[in-house]
PDB file of all heavy atoms in Angstrom:
ATOM      1  N   ARG A   1     -24.750 -10.315   3.425  1.00  0.00           N
ATOM      2  CA  ARG A   1     -25.681 -10.113   2.322  1.00  0.00           C
ATOM      3  C   ARG A   1     -25.642  -8.709   1.763  1.00  0.00           C
ATOM      4  O   ARG A   1     -25.740  -8.438   0.578  1.00  0.00           O
ATOM      5  CB  ARG A   1     -27.098 -10.409   2.837  1.00  0.00           C
ATOM      6  CG  ARG A   1     -28.092 -10.611   1.749  1.00  0.00           C
ATOM      7  CD  ARG A   1     -29.384 -11.064   2.391  1.00  0.00           C
ATOM      8  NE  ARG A   1     -30.446 -10.743   1.453  1.00  0.00           N
ATOM      9  CZ  ARG A   1     -31.719 -10.618   1.820  1.00  0.00           C
ATOM     10  NH1 ARG A   1     -32.054 -10.829   3.090  1.00  0.00           N
ATOM     11  NH2 ARG A   1     -32.643 -10.318   0.943  1.00  0.00           N
ATOM     12  N   ALA A   2     -25.391  -7.727   2.680  1.00  0.00           N
ATOM     13  CA  ALA A   2     -25.377  -6.325   2.275  1.00  0.00           C
ATOM     14  C   ALA A   2     -24.075  -5.983   1.533  1.00  0.00           C
ATOM     15  O   ALA A   2     -24.048  -4.978   0.859  1.00  0.00           O
ATOM     16  CB  ALA A   2     -25.530  -5.436   3.522  1.00  0.00           C
ATOM     17  N   GLU A   3     -23.031  -6.766   1.725  1.00  0.00           N
ATOM     18  CA  GLU A   3     -21.737  -6.482   1.037  1.00  0.00           C
ATOM     19  C   GLU A   3     -21.199  -7.711   0.369  1.00  0.00           C
ATOM     20  O   GLU A   3     -20.235  -8.318   0.842  1.00  0.00           O
ATOM     21  CB  GLU A   3     -20.691  -5.985   2.041  1.00  0.00           C
ATOM     22  CG  GLU A   3     -21.135  -4.996   3.072  1.00  0.00           C
ATOM     23  CD  GLU A   3     -20.170  -4.953   4.256  1.00  0.00           C
ATOM     24  OE1 GLU A   3     -18.928  -4.957   3.969  1.00  0.00           O
ATOM     25  OE2 GLU A   3     -20.611  -4.934   5.359  1.00  0.00           O
ATOM     26  N   PRO A   4     -21.819  -8.114  -0.729  1.00  0.00           N
ATOM     27  CA  PRO A   4     -21.355  -9.335  -1.421  1.00  0.00           C
ATOM     28  C   PRO A   4     -19.894  -9.269  -1.864  1.00  0.00           C
ATOM     29  O   PRO A   4     -19.248 -10.261  -2.047  1.00  0.00           O
ATOM     30  CB  PRO A   4     -22.297  -9.505  -2.598  1.00  0.00           C
ATOM     31  CG  PRO A   4     -23.078  -8.236  -2.716  1.00  0.00           C
ATOM     32  CD  PRO A   4     -22.968  -7.514  -1.408  1.00  0.00           C
ATOM     33  N   GLY A   5     -19.372  -8.004  -2.024  1.00  0.00           N
ATOM     34  CA  GLY A   5     -17.997  -7.867  -2.436  1.00  0.00           C
ATOM     35  C   GLY A   5     -16.970  -8.311  -1.404  1.00  0.00           C
ATOM     36  O   GLY A   5     -15.814  -8.562  -1.747  1.00  0.00           O
ATOM     37  N   SER A   6     -17.373  -8.392  -0.120  1.00  0.00           N
ATOM     38  CA  SER A   6     -16.381  -8.738   0.913  1.00  0.00           C
ATOM     39  C   SER A   6     -16.438 -10.214   1.195  1.00  0.00           C
ATOM     40  O   SER A   6     -16.492 -10.662   2.313  1.00  0.00           O
ATOM     41  CB  SER A   6     -16.682  -7.937   2.188  1.00  0.00           C
ATOM     42  OG  SER A   6     -17.940  -8.304   2.687  1.00  0.00           O
ATOM     43  N   LYS A   7     -16.448 -10.991   0.127  1.00  0.00           N
ATOM     44  CA  LYS A   7     -16.599 -12.434   0.257  1.00  0.00           C
ATOM     45  C   LYS A   7     -15.323 -13.082   0.834  1.00  0.00           C
ATOM     46  O   LYS A   7     -14.227 -12.676   0.501  1.00  0.00           O
ATOM     47  CB  LYS A   7     -16.858 -13.024  -1.149  1.00  0.00           C
ATOM     48  CG  LYS A   7     -17.173 -14.494  -1.133  1.00  0.00           C
ATOM     49  CD  LYS A   7     -17.521 -14.959  -2.566  1.00  0.00           C
ATOM     50  CE  LYS A   7     -18.863 -14.527  -3.002  1.00  0.00           C
ATOM     51  NZ  LYS A   7     -19.218 -15.080  -4.337  1.00  0.00           N
ATOM     52  N   ARG A   8     -15.491 -14.033   1.701  1.00  0.00           N
ATOM     53  CA  ARG A   8     -14.356 -14.798   2.224  1.00  0.00           C
ATOM     54  C   ARG A   8     -14.502 -16.241   1.746  1.00  0.00           C
ATOM     55  O   ARG A   8     -15.604 -16.726   1.656  1.00  0.00           O
ATOM     56  CB  ARG A   8     -14.333 -14.763   3.767  1.00  0.00           C
ATOM     57  CG  ARG A   8     -14.034 -13.385   4.289  1.00  0.00           C
ATOM     58  CD  ARG A   8     -13.802 -13.408   5.783  1.00  0.00           C
ATOM     59  NE  ARG A   8     -14.841 -12.672   6.491  1.00  0.00           N
ATOM     60  CZ  ARG A   8     -14.906 -12.587   7.819  1.00  0.00           C
ATOM     61  NH1 ARG A   8     -14.075 -13.207   8.592  1.00  0.00           N
ATOM     62  NH2 ARG A   8     -15.874 -11.885   8.376  1.00  0.00           N
ATOM     63  N   THR A   9     -13.382 -16.871   1.459  1.00  0.00           N
ATOM     64  CA  THR A   9     -13.361 -18.226   0.894  1.00  0.00           C
ATOM     65  C   THR A   9     -12.474 -19.129   1.751  1.00  0.00           C
ATOM     66  O   THR A   9     -11.403 -18.668   2.216  1.00  0.00           O
ATOM     67  CB  THR A   9     -12.873 -18.200  -0.542  1.00  0.00           C
ATOM     68  OG1 THR A   9     -13.624 -17.254  -1.280  1.00  0.00           O
ATOM     69  CG2 THR A   9     -13.050 -19.567  -1.175  1.00  0.00           C
ATOM     70  N   GLN A  10     -12.925 -20.353   1.986  1.00  0.00           N
ATOM     71  CA  GLN A  10     -12.085 -21.310   2.665  1.00  0.00           C
ATOM     72  C   GLN A  10     -12.137 -22.623   1.921  1.00  0.00           C
ATOM     73  O   GLN A  10     -13.184 -22.975   1.335  1.00  0.00           O
ATOM     74  CB  GLN A  10     -12.606 -21.571   4.106  1.00  0.00           C
ATOM     75  CG  GLN A  10     -11.981 -20.673   5.137  1.00  0.00           C
ATOM     76  CD  GLN A  10     -12.620 -20.920   6.503  1.00  0.00           C
ATOM     77  OE1 GLN A  10     -13.610 -20.338   6.822  1.00  0.00           O
ATOM     78  NE2 GLN A  10     -12.042 -21.808   7.293  1.00  0.00           N
ATOM     79  N   GLN A  11     -11.025 -23.345   1.880  1.00  0.00           N
ATOM     80  CA  GLN A  11     -11.039 -24.676   1.278  1.00  0.00           C
ATOM     81  C   GLN A  11     -10.967 -25.689   2.403  1.00  0.00           C
ATOM     82  O   GLN A  11     -10.214 -25.565   3.360  1.00  0.00           O
ATOM     83  CB  GLN A  11      -9.849 -24.880   0.359  1.00  0.00           C
ATOM     84  CG  GLN A  11     -10.098 -24.197  -1.000  1.00  0.00           C
ATOM     85  CD  GLN A  11      -9.150 -24.716  -2.053  1.00  0.00           C
ATOM     86  OE1 GLN A  11      -8.318 -25.575  -1.812  1.00  0.00           O
ATOM     87  NE2 GLN A  11      -9.286 -24.192  -3.273  1.00  0.00           N
ATOM     88  N   LEU A  12     -11.777 -26.762   2.241  1.00  0.00           N
ATOM     89  CA  LEU A  12     -11.837 -27.794   3.255  1.00  0.00           C
ATOM     90  C   LEU A  12     -11.662 -29.149   2.556  1.00  0.00           C
ATOM     91  O   LEU A  12     -12.153 -29.346   1.487  1.00  0.00           O
ATOM     92  CB  LEU A  12     -13.231 -27.796   3.924  1.00  0.00           C
ATOM     93  CG  LEU A  12     -13.666 -26.466   4.481  1.00  0.00           C
ATOM     94  CD1 LEU A  12     -15.148 -26.503   4.838  1.00  0.00           C
ATOM     95  CD2 LEU A  12     -12.876 -26.125   5.727  1.00  0.00           C
ATOM     96  N   SER A  13     -10.985 -30.044   3.264  1.00  0.00           N
ATOM     97  CA  SER A  13     -10.800 -31.371   2.691  1.00  0.00           C
ATOM     98  C   SER A  13     -12.159 -32.070   2.614  1.00  0.00           C
ATOM     99  O   SER A  13     -13.074 -31.749   3.373  1.00  0.00           O
ATOM    100  CB  SER A  13      -9.761 -32.163   3.472  1.00  0.00           C
ATOM    101  OG  SER A  13     -10.271 -32.405   4.782  1.00  0.00           O
ATOM    102  N   GLY A  14     -12.220 -33.077   1.748  1.00  0.00           N
ATOM    103  CA  GLY A  14     -13.507 -33.766   1.493  1.00  0.00           C
ATOM    104  C   GLY A  14     -14.098 -34.513   2.650  1.00  0.00           C
ATOM    105  O   GLY A  14     -15.247 -34.944   2.604  1.00  0.00           O
ATOM    106  N   ASP A  15     -13.303 -34.759   3.737  1.00  0.00           N
ATOM    107  CA  ASP A  15     -13.864 -35.523   4.849  1.00  0.00           C
ATOM    108  C   ASP A  15     -14.577 -34.599   5.862  1.00  0.00           C
ATOM    109  O   ASP A  15     -15.060 -35.068   6.885  1.00  0.00           O
ATOM    110  CB  ASP A  15     -12.787 -36.363   5.537  1.00  0.00           C
ATOM    111  CG  ASP A  15     -11.567 -35.573   5.907  1.00  0.00           C
ATOM    112  OD1 ASP A  15     -11.497 -34.378   5.574  1.00  0.00           O
ATOM    113  OD2 ASP A  15     -10.628 -36.160   6.502  1.00  0.00           O
ATOM    114  N   HIS A  16     -14.621 -33.284   5.633  1.00  0.00           N
ATOM    115  CA  HIS A  16     -15.312 -32.366   6.539  1.00  0.00           C
ATOM    116  C   HIS A  16     -16.838 -32.472   6.401  1.00  0.00           C
ATOM    117  O   HIS A  16     -17.313 -32.627   5.280  1.00  0.00           O
ATOM    118  CB  HIS A  16     -14.949 -30.900   6.287  1.00  0.00           C
ATOM    119  CG  HIS A  16     -13.662 -30.479   6.918  1.00  0.00           C
ATOM    120  ND1 HIS A  16     -12.439 -30.878   6.501  1.00  0.00           N
ATOM    121  CD2 HIS A  16     -13.463 -29.663   7.982  1.00  0.00           C
ATOM    122  CE1 HIS A  16     -11.494 -30.310   7.246  1.00  0.00           C
ATOM    123  NE2 HIS A  16     -12.086 -29.587   8.167  1.00  0.00           N
ATOM    124  N   THR A  17     -17.524 -32.424   7.479  1.00  0.00           N
ATOM    125  CA  THR A  17     -19.016 -32.284   7.422  1.00  0.00           C
ATOM    126  C   THR A  17     -19.485 -31.163   8.365  1.00  0.00           C
ATOM    127  O   THR A  17     -20.680 -30.998   8.533  1.00  0.00           O
ATOM    128  CB  THR A  17     -19.710 -33.602   7.822  1.00  0.00           C
ATOM    129  OG1 THR A  17     -19.262 -33.963   9.136  1.00  0.00           O
ATOM    130  CG2 THR A  17     -19.443 -34.697   6.850  1.00  0.00           C
ATOM    131  N   SER A  18     -18.552 -30.436   8.950  1.00  0.00           N
ATOM    132  CA  SER A  18     -18.988 -29.290   9.750  1.00  0.00           C
ATOM    133  C   SER A  18     -17.824 -28.321   9.937  1.00  0.00           C
ATOM    134  O   SER A  18     -16.644 -28.690   9.749  1.00  0.00           O
ATOM    135  CB  SER A  18     -19.538 -29.692  11.110  1.00  0.00           C
ATOM    136  OG  SER A  18     -18.524 -29.799  12.067  1.00  0.00           O
ATOM    137  N   LEU A  19     -18.137 -27.085  10.262  1.00  0.00           N
ATOM    138  CA  LEU A  19     -17.138 -26.034  10.417  1.00  0.00           C
ATOM    139  C   LEU A  19     -17.789 -24.896  11.198  1.00  0.00           C
ATOM    140  O   LEU A  19     -18.946 -24.577  10.966  1.00  0.00           O
ATOM    141  CB  LEU A  19     -16.715 -25.521   9.023  1.00  0.00           C
ATOM    142  CG  LEU A  19     -15.715 -24.349   9.014  1.00  0.00           C
ATOM    143  CD1 LEU A  19     -14.333 -24.835   9.398  1.00  0.00           C
ATOM    144  CD2 LEU A  19     -15.697 -23.662   7.677  1.00  0.00           C
ATOM    145  N   VAL A  20     -17.006 -24.274  12.093  1.00  0.00           N
ATOM    146  CA  VAL A  20     -17.471 -23.083  12.811  1.00  0.00           C
ATOM    147  C   VAL A  20     -16.884 -21.868  12.124  1.00  0.00           C
ATOM    148  O   VAL A  20     -15.648 -21.791  11.906  1.00  0.00           O
ATOM    149  CB  VAL A  20     -17.061 -23.121  14.284  1.00  0.00           C
ATOM    150  CG1 VAL A  20     -17.432 -21.830  14.974  1.00  0.00           C
ATOM    151  CG2 VAL A  20     -17.699 -24.289  14.987  1.00  0.00           C
ATOM    152  N   LEU A  21     -17.747 -20.943  11.719  1.00  0.00           N
ATOM    153  CA  LEU A  21     -17.291 -19.635  11.205  1.00  0.00           C
ATOM    154  C   LEU A  21     -17.352 -18.653  12.356  1.00  0.00           C
ATOM    155  O   LEU A  21     -18.384 -18.534  13.012  1.00  0.00           O
ATOM    156  CB  LEU A  21     -18.178 -19.172  10.081  1.00  0.00           C
ATOM    157  CG  LEU A  21     -18.175 -19.987   8.791  1.00  0.00           C
ATOM    158  CD1 LEU A  21     -19.043 -19.322   7.746  1.00  0.00           C
ATOM    159  CD2 LEU A  21     -16.726 -20.079   8.272  1.00  0.00           C
ATOM    160  N   SER A  22     -16.221 -17.919  12.578  1.00  0.00           N
ATOM    161  CA  SER A  22     -16.248 -16.973  13.698  1.00  0.00           C
ATOM    162  C   SER A  22     -15.738 -15.611  13.221  1.00  0.00           C
ATOM    163  O   SER A  22     -15.536 -15.408  12.010  1.00  0.00           O
ATOM    164  CB  SER A  22     -15.359 -17.493  14.842  1.00  0.00           C
ATOM    165  OG  SER A  22     -14.106 -17.826  14.331  1.00  0.00           O
ATOM    166  N   ASP A  23     -15.602 -14.679  14.154  1.00  0.00           N
ATOM    167  CA  ASP A  23     -15.211 -13.277  13.842  1.00  0.00           C
ATOM    168  C   ASP A  23     -16.224 -12.635  12.893  1.00  0.00           C
ATOM    169  O   ASP A  23     -15.866 -11.902  11.972  1.00  0.00           O
ATOM    170  CB  ASP A  23     -13.808 -13.204  13.190  1.00  0.00           C
ATOM    171  CG  ASP A  23     -12.736 -13.699  14.109  1.00  0.00           C
ATOM    172  OD1 ASP A  23     -12.908 -13.517  15.341  1.00  0.00           O
ATOM    173  OD2 ASP A  23     -11.774 -14.318  13.643  1.00  0.00           O
ATOM    174  N   LEU A  24     -17.498 -12.931  13.104  1.00  0.00           N
ATOM    175  CA  LEU A  24     -18.528 -12.349  12.285  1.00  0.00           C
ATOM    176  C   LEU A  24     -19.104 -11.117  12.926  1.00  0.00           C
ATOM    177  O   LEU A  24     -18.933 -10.877  14.122  1.00  0.00           O
ATOM    178  CB  LEU A  24     -19.636 -13.390  12.042  1.00  0.00           C
ATOM    179  CG  LEU A  24     -19.160 -14.739  11.510  1.00  0.00           C
ATOM    180  CD1 LEU A  24     -20.313 -15.715  11.402  1.00  0.00           C
ATOM    181  CD2 LEU A  24     -18.495 -14.583  10.124  1.00  0.00           C
ATOM    182  N   ALA A  25     -19.825 -10.326  12.136  1.00  0.00           N
ATOM    183  CA  ALA A  25     -20.451  -9.091  12.666  1.00  0.00           C
ATOM    184  C   ALA A  25     -21.771  -9.453  13.314  1.00  0.00           C
ATOM    185  O   ALA A  25     -22.465 -10.319  12.782  1.00  0.00           O
ATOM    186  CB  ALA A  25     -20.643  -8.100  11.542  1.00  0.00           C
ATOM    187  N   PRO A  26     -22.168  -8.800  14.416  1.00  0.00           N
ATOM    188  CA  PRO A  26     -23.471  -9.079  15.012  1.00  0.00           C
ATOM    189  C   PRO A  26     -24.637  -8.575  14.143  1.00  0.00           C
ATOM    190  O   PRO A  26     -24.444  -7.648  13.338  1.00  0.00           O
ATOM    191  CB  PRO A  26     -23.418  -8.336  16.344  1.00  0.00           C
ATOM    192  CG  PRO A  26     -22.366  -7.299  16.170  1.00  0.00           C
ATOM    193  CD  PRO A  26     -21.418  -7.792  15.122  1.00  0.00           C
ATOM    194  N   GLU A  27     -25.782  -9.194  14.306  1.00  0.00           N
ATOM    195  CA  GLU A  27     -26.994  -8.763  13.655  1.00  0.00           C
ATOM    196  C   GLU A  27     -26.789  -8.578  12.141  1.00  0.00           C
ATOM    197  O   GLU A  27     -27.202  -7.585  11.565  1.00  0.00           O
ATOM    198  CB  GLU A  27     -27.515  -7.440  14.230  1.00  0.00           C
ATOM    199  CG  GLU A  27     -28.478  -7.690  15.403  1.00  0.00           C
ATOM    200  CD  GLU A  27     -29.144  -6.443  15.877  1.00  0.00           C
ATOM    201  OE1 GLU A  27     -28.462  -5.543  16.370  1.00  0.00           O
ATOM    202  OE2 GLU A  27     -30.376  -6.310  15.753  1.00  0.00           O
ATOM    203  N   THR A  28     -26.105  -9.555  11.527  1.00  0.00           N
ATOM    204  CA  THR A  28     -25.814  -9.473  10.093  1.00  0.00           C
ATOM    205  C   THR A  28     -26.234 -10.738   9.441  1.00  0.00           C
ATOM    206  O   THR A  28     -26.025 -11.837   9.964  1.00  0.00           O
ATOM    207  CB  THR A  28     -24.276  -9.262   9.925  1.00  0.00           C
ATOM    208  OG1 THR A  28     -23.890  -8.044  10.607  1.00  0.00           O
ATOM    209  CG2 THR A  28     -23.896  -9.141   8.444  1.00  0.00           C
ATOM    210  N   THR A  29     -26.845 -10.634   8.265  1.00  0.00           N
ATOM    211  CA  THR A  29     -27.244 -11.812   7.489  1.00  0.00           C
ATOM    212  C   THR A  29     -26.106 -12.183   6.540  1.00  0.00           C
ATOM    213  O   THR A  29     -25.655 -11.347   5.764  1.00  0.00           O
ATOM    214  CB  THR A  29     -28.517 -11.526   6.711  1.00  0.00           C
ATOM    215  OG1 THR A  29     -29.556 -11.222   7.662  1.00  0.00           O
ATOM    216  CG2 THR A  29     -28.970 -12.752   5.921  1.00  0.00           C
ATOM    217  N   TYR A  30     -25.646 -13.410   6.655  1.00  0.00           N
ATOM    218  CA  TYR A  30     -24.606 -13.938   5.770  1.00  0.00           C
ATOM    219  C   TYR A  30     -25.187 -14.880   4.738  1.00  0.00           C
ATOM    220  O   TYR A  30     -26.014 -15.720   5.067  1.00  0.00           O
ATOM    221  CB  TYR A  30     -23.548 -14.667   6.628  1.00  0.00           C
ATOM    222  CG  TYR A  30     -22.634 -13.720   7.383  1.00  0.00           C
ATOM    223  CD1 TYR A  30     -22.989 -13.266   8.621  1.00  0.00           C
ATOM    224  CD2 TYR A  30     -21.444 -13.311   6.809  1.00  0.00           C
ATOM    225  CE1 TYR A  30     -22.184 -12.365   9.305  1.00  0.00           C
ATOM    226  CE2 TYR A  30     -20.606 -12.429   7.488  1.00  0.00           C
ATOM    227  CZ  TYR A  30     -21.007 -11.962   8.719  1.00  0.00           C
ATOM    228  OH  TYR A  30     -20.161 -11.083   9.368  1.00  0.00           O
ATOM    229  N   GLU A  31     -24.700 -14.736   3.515  1.00  0.00           N
ATOM    230  CA  GLU A  31     -24.978 -15.700   2.436  1.00  0.00           C
ATOM    231  C   GLU A  31     -23.816 -16.700   2.477  1.00  0.00           C
ATOM    232  O   GLU A  31     -22.653 -16.290   2.397  1.00  0.00           O
ATOM    233  CB  GLU A  31     -25.013 -14.995   1.093  1.00  0.00           C
ATOM    234  CG  GLU A  31     -26.092 -13.929   0.955  1.00  0.00           C
ATOM    235  CD  GLU A  31     -27.465 -14.508   0.666  1.00  0.00           C
ATOM    236  OE1 GLU A  31     -27.580 -15.745   0.564  1.00  0.00           O
ATOM    237  OE2 GLU A  31     -28.369 -13.712   0.512  1.00  0.00           O
ATOM    238  N   VAL A  32     -24.136 -17.980   2.592  1.00  0.00           N
ATOM    239  CA  VAL A  32     -23.098 -19.005   2.654  1.00  0.00           C
ATOM    240  C   VAL A  32     -23.291 -20.004   1.524  1.00  0.00           C
ATOM    241  O   VAL A  32     -24.428 -20.419   1.267  1.00  0.00           O
ATOM    242  CB  VAL A  32     -23.166 -19.759   4.007  1.00  0.00           C
ATOM    243  CG1 VAL A  32     -22.032 -20.763   4.088  1.00  0.00           C
ATOM    244  CG2 VAL A  32     -23.140 -18.779   5.193  1.00  0.00           C
ATOM    245  N   ALA A  33     -22.202 -20.310   0.799  1.00  0.00           N
ATOM    246  CA  ALA A  33     -22.276 -21.313  -0.283  1.00  0.00           C
ATOM    247  C   ALA A  33     -21.165 -22.353  -0.031  1.00  0.00           C
ATOM    248  O   ALA A  33     -20.026 -21.977   0.201  1.00  0.00           O
ATOM    249  CB  ALA A  33     -22.097 -20.627  -1.609  1.00  0.00           C
ATOM    250  N   LEU A  34     -21.568 -23.597  -0.038  1.00  0.00           N
ATOM    251  CA  LEU A  34     -20.620 -24.687   0.061  1.00  0.00           C
ATOM    252  C   LEU A  34     -20.586 -25.364  -1.324  1.00  0.00           C
ATOM    253  O   LEU A  34     -21.588 -25.849  -1.791  1.00  0.00           O
ATOM    254  CB  LEU A  34     -21.073 -25.685   1.140  1.00  0.00           C
ATOM    255  CG  LEU A  34     -20.171 -26.879   1.375  1.00  0.00           C
ATOM    256  CD1 LEU A  34     -18.914 -26.442   2.124  1.00  0.00           C
ATOM    257  CD2 LEU A  34     -20.918 -27.984   2.108  1.00  0.00           C
ATOM    258  N   ILE A  35     -19.412 -25.349  -1.935  1.00  0.00           N
ATOM    259  CA  ILE A  35     -19.282 -25.870  -3.286  1.00  0.00           C
ATOM    260  C   ILE A  35     -18.466 -27.163  -3.272  1.00  0.00           C
ATOM    261  O   ILE A  35     -17.266 -27.130  -3.002  1.00  0.00           O
ATOM    262  CB  ILE A  35     -18.634 -24.836  -4.243  1.00  0.00           C
ATOM    263  CG1 ILE A  35     -19.478 -23.551  -4.226  1.00  0.00           C
ATOM    264  CG2 ILE A  35     -18.471 -25.378  -5.627  1.00  0.00           C
ATOM    265  CD1 ILE A  35     -18.710 -22.291  -4.313  1.00  0.00           C
ATOM    266  N   PRO A  36     -19.088 -28.303  -3.445  1.00  0.00           N
ATOM    267  CA  PRO A  36     -18.327 -29.562  -3.447  1.00  0.00           C
ATOM    268  C   PRO A  36     -17.582 -29.691  -4.759  1.00  0.00           C
ATOM    269  O   PRO A  36     -18.160 -29.606  -5.846  1.00  0.00           O
ATOM    270  CB  PRO A  36     -19.424 -30.670  -3.384  1.00  0.00           C
ATOM    271  CG  PRO A  36     -20.690 -29.941  -2.980  1.00  0.00           C
ATOM    272  CD  PRO A  36     -20.575 -28.555  -3.539  1.00  0.00           C
ATOM    273  N   GLU A  37     -16.243 -29.743  -4.685  1.00  0.00           N
ATOM    274  CA  GLU A  37     -15.389 -29.840  -5.868  1.00  0.00           C
ATOM    275  C   GLU A  37     -15.005 -31.325  -6.021  1.00  0.00           C
ATOM    276  O   GLU A  37     -13.975 -31.742  -5.504  1.00  0.00           O
ATOM    277  CB  GLU A  37     -14.150 -28.967  -5.715  1.00  0.00           C
ATOM    278  CG  GLU A  37     -14.459 -27.505  -5.343  1.00  0.00           C
ATOM    279  CD  GLU A  37     -14.802 -26.660  -6.557  1.00  0.00           C
ATOM    280  OE1 GLU A  37     -14.896 -27.205  -7.693  1.00  0.00           O
ATOM    281  OE2 GLU A  37     -15.020 -25.451  -6.339  1.00  0.00           O
ATOM    282  N   SER A  38     -15.892 -32.069  -6.673  1.00  0.00           N
ATOM    283  CA  SER A  38     -15.664 -33.539  -6.750  1.00  0.00           C
ATOM    284  C   SER A  38     -15.007 -33.914  -8.035  1.00  0.00           C
ATOM    285  O   SER A  38     -15.318 -33.353  -9.088  1.00  0.00           O
ATOM    286  CB  SER A  38     -17.009 -34.249  -6.615  1.00  0.00           C
ATOM    287  OG  SER A  38     -16.885 -35.603  -6.945  1.00  0.00           O
ATOM    288  N   ASN A  39     -14.094 -34.881  -7.929  1.00  0.00           N
ATOM    289  CA  ASN A  39     -13.544 -35.373  -9.176  1.00  0.00           C
ATOM    290  C   ASN A  39     -14.239 -36.620  -9.693  1.00  0.00           C
ATOM    291  O   ASN A  39     -13.835 -37.305 -10.552  1.00  0.00           O
ATOM    292  CB  ASN A  39     -12.026 -35.604  -9.069  1.00  0.00           C
ATOM    293  CG  ASN A  39     -11.700 -36.458  -7.844  1.00  0.00           C
ATOM    294  OD1 ASN A  39     -12.534 -37.235  -7.398  1.00  0.00           O
ATOM    295  ND2 ASN A  39     -10.524 -36.263  -7.281  1.00  0.00           N
ATOM    296  N   VAL A  40     -15.407 -36.937  -9.081  1.00  0.00           N
ATOM    297  CA  VAL A  40     -16.177 -38.128  -9.477  1.00  0.00           C
ATOM    298  C   VAL A  40     -17.570 -37.709  -9.979  1.00  0.00           C
ATOM    299  O   VAL A  40     -17.953 -38.065 -11.099  1.00  0.00           O
ATOM    300  CB  VAL A  40     -16.339 -39.079  -8.283  1.00  0.00           C
ATOM    301  CG1 VAL A  40     -17.066 -40.338  -8.708  1.00  0.00           C
ATOM    302  CG2 VAL A  40     -14.989 -39.416  -7.684  1.00  0.00           C
ATOM    303  N   HIS A  41     -18.326 -36.970  -9.163  1.00  0.00           N
ATOM    304  CA  HIS A  41     -19.701 -36.591  -9.518  1.00  0.00           C
ATOM    305  C   HIS A  41     -19.780 -35.069  -9.521  1.00  0.00           C
ATOM    306  O   HIS A  41     -18.993 -34.412  -8.854  1.00  0.00           O
ATOM    307  CB  HIS A  41     -20.697 -37.094  -8.480  1.00  0.00           C
ATOM    308  CG  HIS A  41     -20.714 -38.532  -8.326  1.00  0.00           C
ATOM    309  ND1 HIS A  41     -21.243 -39.388  -9.241  1.00  0.00           N
ATOM    310  CD2 HIS A  41     -20.290 -39.326  -7.303  1.00  0.00           C
ATOM    311  CE1 HIS A  41     -21.154 -40.631  -8.821  1.00  0.00           C
ATOM    312  NE2 HIS A  41     -20.561 -40.621  -7.644  1.00  0.00           N
ATOM    313  N   TYR A  42     -20.833 -34.587 -10.177  1.00  0.00           N
ATOM    314  CA  TYR A  42     -21.138 -33.154 -10.018  1.00  0.00           C
ATOM    315  C   TYR A  42     -22.137 -33.025  -8.867  1.00  0.00           C
ATOM    316  O   TYR A  42     -23.168 -33.666  -8.816  1.00  0.00           O
ATOM    317  CB  TYR A  42     -21.774 -32.576 -11.292  1.00  0.00           C
ATOM    318  CG  TYR A  42     -22.320 -31.197 -11.068  1.00  0.00           C
ATOM    319  CD1 TYR A  42     -21.473 -30.091 -10.867  1.00  0.00           C
ATOM    320  CD2 TYR A  42     -23.703 -30.974 -10.928  1.00  0.00           C
ATOM    321  CE1 TYR A  42     -21.967 -28.820 -10.602  1.00  0.00           C
ATOM    322  CE2 TYR A  42     -24.210 -29.727 -10.696  1.00  0.00           C
ATOM    323  CZ  TYR A  42     -23.333 -28.658 -10.524  1.00  0.00           C
ATOM    324  OH  TYR A  42     -23.824 -27.407 -10.224  1.00  0.00           O
ATOM    325  N   PHE A  43     -21.803 -32.150  -7.919  1.00  0.00           N
ATOM    326  CA  PHE A  43     -22.763 -31.810  -6.868  1.00  0.00           C
ATOM    327  C   PHE A  43     -23.090 -30.355  -6.968  1.00  0.00           C
ATOM    328  O   PHE A  43     -22.192 -29.519  -7.126  1.00  0.00           O
ATOM    329  CB  PHE A  43     -22.148 -32.047  -5.473  1.00  0.00           C
ATOM    330  CG  PHE A  43     -21.917 -33.494  -5.160  1.00  0.00           C
ATOM    331  CD1 PHE A  43     -20.620 -33.999  -5.169  1.00  0.00           C
ATOM    332  CD2 PHE A  43     -22.939 -34.323  -4.804  1.00  0.00           C
ATOM    333  CE1 PHE A  43     -20.354 -35.351  -4.858  1.00  0.00           C
ATOM    334  CE2 PHE A  43     -22.698 -35.659  -4.483  1.00  0.00           C
ATOM    335  CZ  PHE A  43     -21.409 -36.153  -4.531  1.00  0.00           C
TER     336      PHE A  43
END
């Protein structure tokens, strides 16, 4: 949250419903956004 410029992005196939994020800094608040890129509906 303190450094929005250091954003990391991952692409996941549509059948994912979970993921572990690792190598994070301790005692740090992360802003996380999951963007569904659907070719059928807008989510």
